Amino acid sequence: MKIGIHPLRAIAAMVIGVAALGAFAASGYSVTPDQEKLVKIGMTKDEVRMAIGRQSHTVKFGNQPGPTWIYQVNGGMYEDTTFDVDFGTDGRVMSTGEVVNLHQGHPMFEN
């Protein structure tokens, strides 16, 4: 019996498929509340990226020693919520937290 696909092409196709699934799963930008729990104080940037994916934004607040990675939260209690991961000067997580971004028309916005 003759196989119509060259073995190297089949292997290459499998590698590309697995890489695409991995990229999709760890594409970042948003996290669920369950994924937030994976981030622990002391983790490195690489460990955070492996656990929950790439951040949607990075900011450096003047009063913080290191950068803050920001993720959009999907499936949270409020629609416009972000998950912030604060890093120290050593590149390790020093704190995390959710931020509900209030704006005019938001259900929690108080006049």
PDB file of N, CA and C in Angstrom:
ATOM      1  N   MET A   1       0.838  -1.171   0.000  1.00  0.00           N
ATOM      2  CA  MET A   1       0.000   0.000   0.000  1.00  0.00           C
ATOM      3  C   MET A   1       0.890   1.244   0.000  1.00  0.00           C
ATOM      4  N   LYS A   2       0.558   2.230  -0.831  1.00  0.00           N
ATOM      5  CA  LYS A   2       1.349   3.434  -0.962  1.00  0.00           C
ATOM      6  C   LYS A   2       0.638   4.591  -0.250  1.00  0.00           C
ATOM      7  N   ILE A   3       1.404   5.309   0.546  1.00  0.00           N
ATOM      8  CA  ILE A   3       0.861   6.475   1.248  1.00  0.00           C
ATOM      9  C   ILE A   3       1.126   7.697   0.383  1.00  0.00           C
ATOM     10  N   GLY A   4       0.098   8.524   0.186  1.00  0.00           N
ATOM     11  CA  GLY A   4       0.206   9.657  -0.720  1.00  0.00           C
ATOM     12  C   GLY A   4       0.873  10.883  -0.122  1.00  0.00           C
ATOM     13  N   ILE A   5       1.084  10.949   1.188  1.00  0.00           N
ATOM     14  CA  ILE A   5       1.689  12.125   1.805  1.00  0.00           C
ATOM     15  C   ILE A   5       3.114  11.784   2.216  1.00  0.00           C
ATOM     16  N   HIS A   6       4.030  12.642   1.855  1.00  0.00           N
ATOM     17  CA  HIS A   6       5.427  12.466   2.225  1.00  0.00           C
ATOM     18  C   HIS A   6       5.539  12.586   3.748  1.00  0.00           C
ATOM     19  N   PRO A   7       6.266  11.664   4.407  1.00  0.00           N
ATOM     20  CA  PRO A   7       6.349  11.689   5.877  1.00  0.00           C
ATOM     21  C   PRO A   7       6.818  13.020   6.453  1.00  0.00           C
ATOM     22  N   LEU A   8       7.775  13.685   5.818  1.00  0.00           N
ATOM     23  CA  LEU A   8       8.242  14.972   6.337  1.00  0.00           C
ATOM     24  C   LEU A   8       7.157  16.035   6.249  1.00  0.00           C
ATOM     25  N   ARG A   9       6.385  16.009   5.195  1.00  0.00           N
ATOM     26  CA  ARG A   9       5.276  16.960   5.064  1.00  0.00           C
ATOM     27  C   ARG A   9       4.219  16.707   6.124  1.00  0.00           C
ATOM     28  N   ALA A  10       3.964  15.440   6.404  1.00  0.00           N
ATOM     29  CA  ALA A  10       2.979  15.102   7.438  1.00  0.00           C
ATOM     30  C   ALA A  10       3.448  15.590   8.801  1.00  0.00           C
ATOM     31  N   ILE A  11       4.727  15.399   9.087  1.00  0.00           N
ATOM     32  CA  ILE A  11       5.279  15.866  10.361  1.00  0.00           C
ATOM     33  C   ILE A  11       5.226  17.387  10.425  1.00  0.00           C
ATOM     34  N   ALA A  12       5.597  18.044   9.336  1.00  0.00           N
ATOM     35  CA  ALA A  12       5.559  19.505   9.306  1.00  0.00           C
ATOM     36  C   ALA A  12       4.139  20.018   9.516  1.00  0.00           C
ATOM     37  N   ALA A  13       3.165  19.364   8.903  1.00  0.00           N
ATOM     38  CA  ALA A  13       1.767  19.770   9.070  1.00  0.00           C
ATOM     39  C   ALA A  13       1.320  19.601  10.515  1.00  0.00           C
ATOM     40  N   MET A  14       1.756  18.519  11.158  1.00  0.00           N
ATOM     41  CA  MET A  14       1.387  18.302  12.560  1.00  0.00           C
ATOM     42  C   MET A  14       2.018  19.364  13.453  1.00  0.00           C
ATOM     43  N   VAL A  15       3.287  19.689  13.205  1.00  0.00           N
ATOM     44  CA  VAL A  15       3.973  20.700  14.008  1.00  0.00           C
ATOM     45  C   VAL A  15       3.281  22.054  13.853  1.00  0.00           C
ATOM     46  N   ILE A  16       2.946  22.412  12.633  1.00  0.00           N
ATOM     47  CA  ILE A  16       2.254  23.680  12.386  1.00  0.00           C
ATOM     48  C   ILE A  16       0.897  23.686  13.081  1.00  0.00           C
ATOM     49  N   GLY A  17       0.182  22.582  13.014  1.00  0.00           N
ATOM     50  CA  GLY A  17      -1.121  22.500  13.671  1.00  0.00           C
ATOM     51  C   GLY A  17      -1.023  22.642  15.173  1.00  0.00           C
ATOM     52  N   VAL A  18      -0.054  21.968  15.783  1.00  0.00           N
ATOM     53  CA  VAL A  18       0.138  22.066  17.233  1.00  0.00           C
ATOM     54  C   VAL A  18       0.560  23.489  17.610  1.00  0.00           C
ATOM     55  N   ALA A  19       1.438  24.078  16.831  1.00  0.00           N
ATOM     56  CA  ALA A  19       1.880  25.452  17.106  1.00  0.00           C
ATOM     57  C   ALA A  19       0.714  26.426  17.002  1.00  0.00           C
ATOM     58  N   ALA A  20      -0.144  26.227  16.018  1.00  0.00           N
ATOM     59  CA  ALA A  20      -1.304  27.108  15.856  1.00  0.00           C
ATOM     60  C   ALA A  20      -2.252  26.976  17.042  1.00  0.00           C
ATOM     61  N   LEU A  21      -2.475  25.759  17.507  1.00  0.00           N
ATOM     62  CA  LEU A  21      -3.326  25.568  18.686  1.00  0.00           C
ATOM     63  C   LEU A  21      -2.711  26.218  19.910  1.00  0.00           C
ATOM     64  N   GLY A  22      -1.403  26.070  20.069  1.00  0.00           N
ATOM     65  CA  GLY A  22      -0.721  26.694  21.198  1.00  0.00           C
ATOM     66  C   GLY A  22      -0.799  28.205  21.136  1.00  0.00           C
ATOM     67  N   ALA A  23      -0.630  28.747  19.943  1.00  0.00           N
ATOM     68  CA  ALA A  23      -0.725  30.196  19.786  1.00  0.00           C
ATOM     69  C   ALA A  23      -2.130  30.679  20.078  1.00  0.00           C
ATOM     70  N   PHE A  24      -3.119  29.930  19.653  1.00  0.00           N
ATOM     71  CA  PHE A  24      -4.504  30.314  19.913  1.00  0.00           C
ATOM     72  C   PHE A  24      -4.790  30.278  21.414  1.00  0.00           C
ATOM     73  N   ALA A  25      -4.339  29.220  22.072  1.00  0.00           N
ATOM     74  CA  ALA A  25      -4.612  29.058  23.505  1.00  0.00           C
ATOM     75  C   ALA A  25      -3.885  30.104  24.327  1.00  0.00           C
ATOM     76  N   ALA A  26      -2.691  30.497  23.909  1.00  0.00           N
ATOM     77  CA  ALA A  26      -1.902  31.447  24.683  1.00  0.00           C
ATOM     78  C   ALA A  26      -1.755  32.771  23.954  1.00  0.00           C
ATOM     79  N   SER A  27      -2.748  33.134  23.146  1.00  0.00           N
ATOM     80  CA  SER A  27      -2.642  34.358  22.376  1.00  0.00           C
ATOM     81  C   SER A  27      -2.722  35.591  23.251  1.00  0.00           C
ATOM     82  N   GLY A  28      -3.244  35.408  24.454  1.00  0.00           N
ATOM     83  CA  GLY A  28      -3.257  36.505  25.397  1.00  0.00           C
ATOM     84  C   GLY A  28      -4.375  37.486  25.179  1.00  0.00           C
ATOM     85  N   TYR A  29      -4.144  38.690  25.621  1.00  0.00           N
ATOM     86  CA  TYR A  29      -5.058  39.799  25.551  1.00  0.00           C
ATOM     87  C   TYR A  29      -6.210  39.704  26.535  1.00  0.00           C
ATOM     88  N   SER A  30      -6.764  38.530  26.774  1.00  0.00           N
ATOM     89  CA  SER A  30      -7.849  38.423  27.740  1.00  0.00           C
ATOM     90  C   SER A  30      -7.687  37.146  28.554  1.00  0.00           C
ATOM     91  N   VAL A  31      -8.239  37.197  29.757  1.00  0.00           N
ATOM     92  CA  VAL A  31      -8.177  36.059  30.664  1.00  0.00           C
ATOM     93  C   VAL A  31      -9.546  35.856  31.297  1.00  0.00           C
ATOM     94  N   THR A  32      -9.747  34.689  31.849  1.00  0.00           N
ATOM     95  CA  THR A  32     -10.952  34.412  32.628  1.00  0.00           C
ATOM     96  C   THR A  32     -10.602  34.550  34.101  1.00  0.00           C
ATOM     97  N   PRO A  33     -11.606  34.681  34.963  1.00  0.00           N
ATOM     98  CA  PRO A  33     -11.313  34.728  36.403  1.00  0.00           C
ATOM     99  C   PRO A  33     -10.531  33.508  36.886  1.00  0.00           C
ATOM    100  N   ASP A  34     -10.783  32.341  36.314  1.00  0.00           N
ATOM    101  CA  ASP A  34     -10.028  31.145  36.711  1.00  0.00           C
ATOM    102  C   ASP A  34      -8.556  31.250  36.313  1.00  0.00           C
ATOM    103  N   GLN A  35      -8.280  31.852  35.154  1.00  0.00           N
ATOM    104  CA  GLN A  35      -6.894  32.016  34.727  1.00  0.00           C
ATOM    105  C   GLN A  35      -6.155  33.007  35.618  1.00  0.00           C
ATOM    106  N   GLU A  36      -6.853  34.013  36.125  1.00  0.00           N
ATOM    107  CA  GLU A  36      -6.220  34.984  37.016  1.00  0.00           C
ATOM    108  C   GLU A  36      -5.584  34.289  38.214  1.00  0.00           C
ATOM    109  N   LYS A  37      -6.222  33.236  38.693  1.00  0.00           N
ATOM    110  CA  LYS A  37      -5.745  32.517  39.873  1.00  0.00           C
ATOM    111  C   LYS A  37      -4.414  31.807  39.628  1.00  0.00           C
ATOM    112  N   LEU A  38      -4.032  31.647  38.374  1.00  0.00           N
ATOM    113  CA  LEU A  38      -2.772  30.979  38.045  1.00  0.00           C
ATOM    114  C   LEU A  38      -1.552  31.858  38.319  1.00  0.00           C
ATOM    115  N   VAL A  39      -1.769  33.173  38.383  1.00  0.00           N
ATOM    116  CA  VAL A  39      -0.662  34.104  38.572  1.00  0.00           C
ATOM    117  C   VAL A  39      -0.397  34.268  40.066  1.00  0.00           C
ATOM    118  N   LYS A  40       0.842  33.993  40.470  1.00  0.00           N
ATOM    119  CA  LYS A  40       1.234  34.033  41.876  1.00  0.00           C
ATOM    120  C   LYS A  40       2.364  35.038  42.085  1.00  0.00           C
ATOM    121  N   ILE A  41       2.401  35.611  43.269  1.00  0.00           N
ATOM    122  CA  ILE A  41       3.476  36.520  43.647  1.00  0.00           C
ATOM    123  C   ILE A  41       4.810  35.774  43.485  1.00  0.00           C
ATOM    124  N   GLY A  42       5.791  36.456  42.877  1.00  0.00           N
ATOM    125  CA  GLY A  42       7.115  35.876  42.700  1.00  0.00           C
ATOM    126  C   GLY A  42       7.354  35.243  41.337  1.00  0.00           C
ATOM    127  N   MET A  43       6.285  35.070  40.537  1.00  0.00           N
ATOM    128  CA  MET A  43       6.468  34.497  39.204  1.00  0.00           C
ATOM    129  C   MET A  43       7.250  35.458  38.315  1.00  0.00           C
ATOM    130  N   THR A  44       8.004  34.895  37.372  1.00  0.00           N
ATOM    131  CA  THR A  44       8.722  35.714  36.396  1.00  0.00           C
ATOM    132  C   THR A  44       7.776  36.101  35.259  1.00  0.00           C
ATOM    133  N   LYS A  45       8.216  37.031  34.427  1.00  0.00           N
ATOM    134  CA  LYS A  45       7.416  37.431  33.262  1.00  0.00           C
ATOM    135  C   LYS A  45       7.181  36.244  32.339  1.00  0.00           C
ATOM    136  N   ASP A  46       8.201  35.425  32.144  1.00  0.00           N
ATOM    137  CA  ASP A  46       8.052  34.249  31.280  1.00  0.00           C
ATOM    138  C   ASP A  46       7.026  33.277  31.864  1.00  0.00           C
ATOM    139  N   GLU A  47       7.051  33.092  33.173  1.00  0.00           N
ATOM    140  CA  GLU A  47       6.093  32.177  33.809  1.00  0.00           C
ATOM    141  C   GLU A  47       4.660  32.698  33.667  1.00  0.00           C
ATOM    142  N   VAL A  48       4.482  34.006  33.806  1.00  0.00           N
ATOM    143  CA  VAL A  48       3.144  34.597  33.638  1.00  0.00           C
ATOM    144  C   VAL A  48       2.673  34.407  32.204  1.00  0.00           C
ATOM    145  N   ARG A  49       3.551  34.691  31.255  1.00  0.00           N
ATOM    146  CA  ARG A  49       3.183  34.554  29.843  1.00  0.00           C
ATOM    147  C   ARG A  49       2.832  33.106  29.510  1.00  0.00           C
ATOM    148  N   MET A  50       3.563  32.152  30.074  1.00  0.00           N
ATOM    149  CA  MET A  50       3.267  30.735  29.832  1.00  0.00           C
ATOM    150  C   MET A  50       1.930  30.347  30.478  1.00  0.00           C
ATOM    151  N   ALA A  51       1.611  30.927  31.623  1.00  0.00           N
ATOM    152  CA  ALA A  51       0.395  30.564  32.357  1.00  0.00           C
ATOM    153  C   ALA A  51      -0.861  31.161  31.740  1.00  0.00           C
ATOM    154  N   ILE A  52      -0.807  32.444  31.344  1.00  0.00           N
ATOM    155  CA  ILE A  52      -2.047  33.093  30.892  1.00  0.00           C
ATOM    156  C   ILE A  52      -1.936  33.802  29.550  1.00  0.00           C
ATOM    157  N   GLY A  53      -0.786  33.764  28.926  1.00  0.00           N
ATOM    158  CA  GLY A  53      -0.652  34.357  27.598  1.00  0.00           C
ATOM    159  C   GLY A  53      -0.112  35.768  27.627  1.00  0.00           C
ATOM    160  N   ARG A  54      -0.085  36.342  26.447  1.00  0.00           N
ATOM    161  CA  ARG A  54       0.472  37.682  26.252  1.00  0.00           C
ATOM    162  C   ARG A  54      -0.507  38.748  26.726  1.00  0.00           C
ATOM    163  N   GLN A  55       0.013  39.789  27.299  1.00  0.00           N
ATOM    164  CA  GLN A  55      -0.795  40.899  27.794  1.00  0.00           C
ATOM    165  C   GLN A  55      -1.308  41.757  26.644  1.00  0.00           C
ATOM    166  N   SER A  56      -2.409  42.482  26.903  1.00  0.00           N
ATOM    167  CA  SER A  56      -2.921  43.371  25.855  1.00  0.00           C
ATOM    168  C   SER A  56      -2.206  44.717  25.876  1.00  0.00           C
ATOM    169  N   HIS A  57      -1.774  45.157  27.049  1.00  0.00           N
ATOM    170  CA  HIS A  57      -1.051  46.419  27.183  1.00  0.00           C
ATOM    171  C   HIS A  57       0.007  46.290  28.267  1.00  0.00           C
ATOM    172  N   THR A  58       1.032  47.100  28.129  1.00  0.00           N
ATOM    173  CA  THR A  58       2.031  47.247  29.180  1.00  0.00           C
ATOM    174  C   THR A  58       2.141  48.730  29.486  1.00  0.00           C
ATOM    175  N   VAL A  59       2.075  49.078  30.767  1.00  0.00           N
ATOM    176  CA  VAL A  59       2.232  50.474  31.173  1.00  0.00           C
ATOM    177  C   VAL A  59       3.262  50.544  32.286  1.00  0.00           C
ATOM    178  N   LYS A  60       3.848  51.714  32.437  1.00  0.00           N
ATOM    179  CA  LYS A  60       4.787  51.952  33.537  1.00  0.00           C
ATOM    180  C   LYS A  60       4.265  53.159  34.290  1.00  0.00           C
ATOM    181  N   PHE A  61       3.658  52.888  35.439  1.00  0.00           N
ATOM    182  CA  PHE A  61       3.161  53.967  36.281  1.00  0.00           C
ATOM    183  C   PHE A  61       4.344  54.578  37.026  1.00  0.00           C
ATOM    184  N   GLY A  62       4.317  55.886  37.181  1.00  0.00           N
ATOM    185  CA  GLY A  62       5.436  56.594  37.799  1.00  0.00           C
ATOM    186  C   GLY A  62       5.772  56.144  39.203  1.00  0.00           C
ATOM    187  N   ASN A  63       4.782  55.709  39.952  1.00  0.00           N
ATOM    188  CA  ASN A  63       5.018  55.321  41.346  1.00  0.00           C
ATOM    189  C   ASN A  63       5.308  53.834  41.517  1.00  0.00           C
ATOM    190  N   GLN A  64       5.379  53.075  40.433  1.00  0.00           N
ATOM    191  CA  GLN A  64       5.635  51.633  40.503  1.00  0.00           C
ATOM    192  C   GLN A  64       7.074  51.346  40.095  1.00  0.00           C
ATOM    193  N   PRO A  65       7.710  50.360  40.745  1.00  0.00           N
ATOM    194  CA  PRO A  65       9.098  50.049  40.402  1.00  0.00           C
ATOM    195  C   PRO A  65       9.278  49.362  39.047  1.00  0.00           C
ATOM    196  N   GLY A  66       8.252  48.663  38.578  1.00  0.00           N
ATOM    197  CA  GLY A  66       8.350  47.944  37.313  1.00  0.00           C
ATOM    198  C   GLY A  66       7.091  48.131  36.483  1.00  0.00           C
ATOM    199  N   PRO A  67       7.002  47.429  35.360  1.00  0.00           N
ATOM    200  CA  PRO A  67       5.836  47.571  34.479  1.00  0.00           C
ATOM    201  C   PRO A  67       4.606  46.851  35.022  1.00  0.00           C
ATOM    202  N   THR A  68       3.458  47.236  34.489  1.00  0.00           N
ATOM    203  CA  THR A  68       2.189  46.565  34.770  1.00  0.00           C
ATOM    204  C   THR A  68       1.666  45.999  33.468  1.00  0.00           C
ATOM    205  N   TRP A  69       1.367  44.698  33.484  1.00  0.00           N
ATOM    206  CA  TRP A  69       0.750  44.054  32.329  1.00  0.00           C
ATOM    207  C   TRP A  69      -0.752  44.074  32.545  1.00  0.00           C
ATOM    208  N   ILE A  70      -1.488  44.421  31.494  1.00  0.00           N
ATOM    209  CA  ILE A  70      -2.939  44.552  31.587  1.00  0.00           C
ATOM    210  C   ILE A  70      -3.600  43.565  30.632  1.00  0.00           C
ATOM    211  N   TYR A  71      -4.578  42.827  31.166  1.00  0.00           N
ATOM    212  CA  TYR A  71      -5.370  41.855  30.409  1.00  0.00           C
ATOM    213  C   TYR A  71      -6.838  42.228  30.537  1.00  0.00           C
ATOM    214  N   GLN A  72      -7.601  42.059  29.487  1.00  0.00           N
ATOM    215  CA  GLN A  72      -9.057  42.205  29.558  1.00  0.00           C
ATOM    216  C   GLN A  72      -9.618  40.945  30.209  1.00  0.00           C
ATOM    217  N   VAL A  73     -10.623  41.090  31.070  1.00  0.00           N
ATOM    218  CA  VAL A  73     -11.235  39.940  31.734  1.00  0.00           C
ATOM    219  C   VAL A  73     -12.505  39.550  30.986  1.00  0.00           C
ATOM    220  N   ASN A  74     -12.577  38.290  30.579  1.00  0.00           N
ATOM    221  CA  ASN A  74     -13.780  37.737  29.952  1.00  0.00           C
ATOM    222  C   ASN A  74     -14.493  36.869  30.972  1.00  0.00           C
ATOM    223  N   GLY A  75     -15.806  37.018  31.073  1.00  0.00           N
ATOM    224  CA  GLY A  75     -16.569  36.187  31.993  1.00  0.00           C
ATOM    225  C   GLY A  75     -16.552  36.707  33.413  1.00  0.00           C
ATOM    226  N   GLY A  76     -16.122  37.935  33.592  1.00  0.00           N
ATOM    227  CA  GLY A  76     -16.128  38.526  34.930  1.00  0.00           C
ATOM    228  C   GLY A  76     -17.492  39.085  35.271  1.00  0.00           C
ATOM    229  N   MET A  77     -17.591  39.637  36.461  1.00  0.00           N
ATOM    230  CA  MET A  77     -18.862  40.176  36.929  1.00  0.00           C
ATOM    231  C   MET A  77     -19.273  41.421  36.139  1.00  0.00           C
ATOM    232  N   TYR A  78     -18.301  42.233  35.751  1.00  0.00           N
ATOM    233  CA  TYR A  78     -18.597  43.468  35.033  1.00  0.00           C
ATOM    234  C   TYR A  78     -17.950  43.436  33.660  1.00  0.00           C
ATOM    235  N   GLU A  79     -18.571  44.130  32.745  1.00  0.00           N
ATOM    236  CA  GLU A  79     -18.176  44.110  31.346  1.00  0.00           C
ATOM    237  C   GLU A  79     -16.782  44.687  31.092  1.00  0.00           C
ATOM    238  N   ASP A  80     -16.480  45.835  31.680  1.00  0.00           N
ATOM    239  CA  ASP A  80     -15.234  46.537  31.397  1.00  0.00           C
ATOM    240  C   ASP A  80     -14.271  46.375  32.569  1.00  0.00           C
ATOM    241  N   THR A  81     -13.728  45.174  32.697  1.00  0.00           N
ATOM    242  CA  THR A  81     -12.824  44.848  33.799  1.00  0.00           C
ATOM    243  C   THR A  81     -11.483  44.411  33.235  1.00  0.00           C
ATOM    244  N   THR A  82     -10.415  44.864  33.885  1.00  0.00           N
ATOM    245  CA  THR A  82      -9.079  44.438  33.496  1.00  0.00           C
ATOM    246  C   THR A  82      -8.417  43.716  34.666  1.00  0.00           C
ATOM    247  N   PHE A  83      -7.471  42.856  34.332  1.00  0.00           N
ATOM    248  CA  PHE A  83      -6.651  42.161  35.309  1.00  0.00           C
ATOM    249  C   PHE A  83      -5.247  42.715  35.154  1.00  0.00           C
ATOM    250  N   ASP A  84      -4.714  43.300  36.226  1.00  0.00           N
ATOM    251  CA  ASP A  84      -3.395  43.922  36.190  1.00  0.00           C
ATOM    252  C   ASP A  84      -2.389  43.057  36.926  1.00  0.00           C
ATOM    253  N   VAL A  85      -1.219  42.889  36.316  1.00  0.00           N
ATOM    254  CA  VAL A  85      -0.115  42.153  36.930  1.00  0.00           C
ATOM    255  C   VAL A  85       1.038  43.139  37.070  1.00  0.00           C
ATOM    256  N   ASP A  86       1.401  43.451  38.308  1.00  0.00           N
ATOM    257  CA  ASP A  86       2.462  44.418  38.602  1.00  0.00           C
ATOM    258  C   ASP A  86       3.775  43.694  38.871  1.00  0.00           C
ATOM    259  N   PHE A  87       4.825  44.122  38.167  1.00  0.00           N
ATOM    260  CA  PHE A  87       6.144  43.529  38.323  1.00  0.00           C
ATOM    261  C   PHE A  87       7.059  44.480  39.070  1.00  0.00           C
ATOM    262  N   GLY A  88       7.988  43.905  39.831  1.00  0.00           N
ATOM    263  CA  GLY A  88       9.007  44.689  40.519  1.00  0.00           C
ATOM    264  C   GLY A  88      10.210  44.897  39.618  1.00  0.00           C
ATOM    265  N   THR A  89      11.231  45.557  40.161  1.00  0.00           N
ATOM    266  CA  THR A  89      12.448  45.814  39.385  1.00  0.00           C
ATOM    267  C   THR A  89      13.180  44.522  39.043  1.00  0.00           C
ATOM    268  N   ASP A  90      12.917  43.454  39.799  1.00  0.00           N
ATOM    269  CA  ASP A  90      13.548  42.159  39.529  1.00  0.00           C
ATOM    270  C   ASP A  90      12.814  41.350  38.459  1.00  0.00           C
ATOM    271  N   GLY A  91      11.723  41.908  37.899  1.00  0.00           N
ATOM    272  CA  GLY A  91      10.976  41.219  36.846  1.00  0.00           C
ATOM    273  C   GLY A  91      10.037  40.142  37.368  1.00  0.00           C
ATOM    274  N   ARG A  92       9.768  40.164  38.659  1.00  0.00           N
ATOM    275  CA  ARG A  92       8.863  39.172  39.262  1.00  0.00           C
ATOM    276  C   ARG A  92       7.582  39.845  39.717  1.00  0.00           C
ATOM    277  N   VAL A  93       6.481  39.049  39.717  1.00  0.00           N
ATOM    278  CA  VAL A  93       5.169  39.573  40.117  1.00  0.00           C
ATOM    279  C   VAL A  93       5.231  40.013  41.567  1.00  0.00           C
ATOM    280  N   MET A  94       4.800  41.261  41.809  1.00  0.00           N
ATOM    281  CA  MET A  94       4.727  41.743  43.185  1.00  0.00           C
ATOM    282  C   MET A  94       3.289  41.944  43.636  1.00  0.00           C
ATOM    283  N   SER A  95       2.340  42.084  42.685  1.00  0.00           N
ATOM    284  CA  SER A  95       0.926  42.166  43.042  1.00  0.00           C
ATOM    285  C   SER A  95       0.064  41.958  41.799  1.00  0.00           C
ATOM    286  N   THR A  96      -1.185  41.597  42.033  1.00  0.00           N
ATOM    287  CA  THR A  96      -2.165  41.436  40.954  1.00  0.00           C
ATOM    288  C   THR A  96      -3.491  41.993  41.443  1.00  0.00           C
ATOM    289  N   GLY A  97      -4.384  42.274  40.514  1.00  0.00           N
ATOM    290  CA  GLY A  97      -5.712  42.720  40.915  1.00  0.00           C
ATOM    291  C   GLY A  97      -6.582  43.050  39.726  1.00  0.00           C
ATOM    292  N   GLU A  98      -7.881  42.998  39.973  1.00  0.00           N
ATOM    293  CA  GLU A  98      -8.850  43.398  38.960  1.00  0.00           C
ATOM    294  C   GLU A  98      -9.184  44.875  39.135  1.00  0.00           C
ATOM    295  N   VAL A  99      -9.430  45.534  38.004  1.00  0.00           N
ATOM    296  CA  VAL A  99      -9.844  46.930  38.009  1.00  0.00           C
ATOM    297  C   VAL A  99     -11.120  47.031  37.187  1.00  0.00           C
ATOM    298  N   VAL A 100     -12.195  47.526  37.811  1.00  0.00           N
ATOM    299  CA  VAL A 100     -13.438  47.785  37.084  1.00  0.00           C
ATOM    300  C   VAL A 100     -13.353  49.214  36.579  1.00  0.00           C
ATOM    301  N   ASN A 101     -13.386  49.377  35.268  1.00  0.00           N
ATOM    302  CA  ASN A 101     -13.252  50.687  34.642  1.00  0.00           C
ATOM    303  C   ASN A 101     -14.628  51.321  34.509  1.00  0.00           C
ATOM    304  N   LEU A 102     -14.889  52.261  35.388  1.00  0.00           N
ATOM    305  CA  LEU A 102     -16.187  52.932  35.399  1.00  0.00           C
ATOM    306  C   LEU A 102     -16.195  54.078  34.396  1.00  0.00           C
ATOM    307  N   HIS A 103     -17.321  54.252  33.740  1.00  0.00           N
ATOM    308  CA  HIS A 103     -17.493  55.339  32.795  1.00  0.00           C
ATOM    309  C   HIS A 103     -18.981  55.678  32.748  1.00  0.00           C
ATOM    310  N   GLN A 104     -19.286  56.825  32.203  1.00  0.00           N
ATOM    311  CA  GLN A 104     -20.673  57.264  32.095  1.00  0.00           C
ATOM    312  C   GLN A 104     -21.503  56.166  31.434  1.00  0.00           C
ATOM    313  N   GLY A 105     -22.610  55.810  32.037  1.00  0.00           N
ATOM    314  CA  GLY A 105     -23.474  54.772  31.501  1.00  0.00           C
ATOM    315  C   GLY A 105     -23.187  53.384  32.044  1.00  0.00           C
ATOM    316  N   HIS A 106     -22.067  53.224  32.763  1.00  0.00           N
ATOM    317  CA  HIS A 106     -21.733  51.938  33.369  1.00  0.00           C
ATOM    318  C   HIS A 106     -22.694  51.703  34.538  1.00  0.00           C
ATOM    319  N   PRO A 107     -23.183  50.471  34.746  1.00  0.00           N
ATOM    320  CA  PRO A 107     -24.140  50.219  35.821  1.00  0.00           C
ATOM    321  C   PRO A 107     -23.657  50.626  37.205  1.00  0.00           C
ATOM    322  N   MET A 108     -22.349  50.624  37.431  1.00  0.00           N
ATOM    323  CA  MET A 108     -21.843  51.008  38.745  1.00  0.00           C
ATOM    324  C   MET A 108     -21.523  52.496  38.856  1.00  0.00           C
ATOM    325  N   PHE A 109     -21.632  53.230  37.763  1.00  0.00           N
ATOM    326  CA  PHE A 109     -21.276  54.650  37.761  1.00  0.00           C
ATOM    327  C   PHE A 109     -22.277  55.414  38.609  1.00  0.00           C
ATOM    328  N   GLU A 110     -21.750  56.177  39.553  1.00  0.00           N
ATOM    329  CA  GLU A 110     -22.617  56.974  40.416  1.00  0.00           C
ATOM    330  C   GLU A 110     -22.453  58.441  40.077  1.00  0.00           C
ATOM    331  N   ASN A 111     -23.564  59.122  39.905  1.00  0.00           N
ATOM    332  CA  ASN A 111     -23.522  60.558  39.607  1.00  0.00           C
ATOM    333  C   ASN A 111     -23.323  61.368  40.856  1.00  0.00           C
TER     334      ASN A 111
END
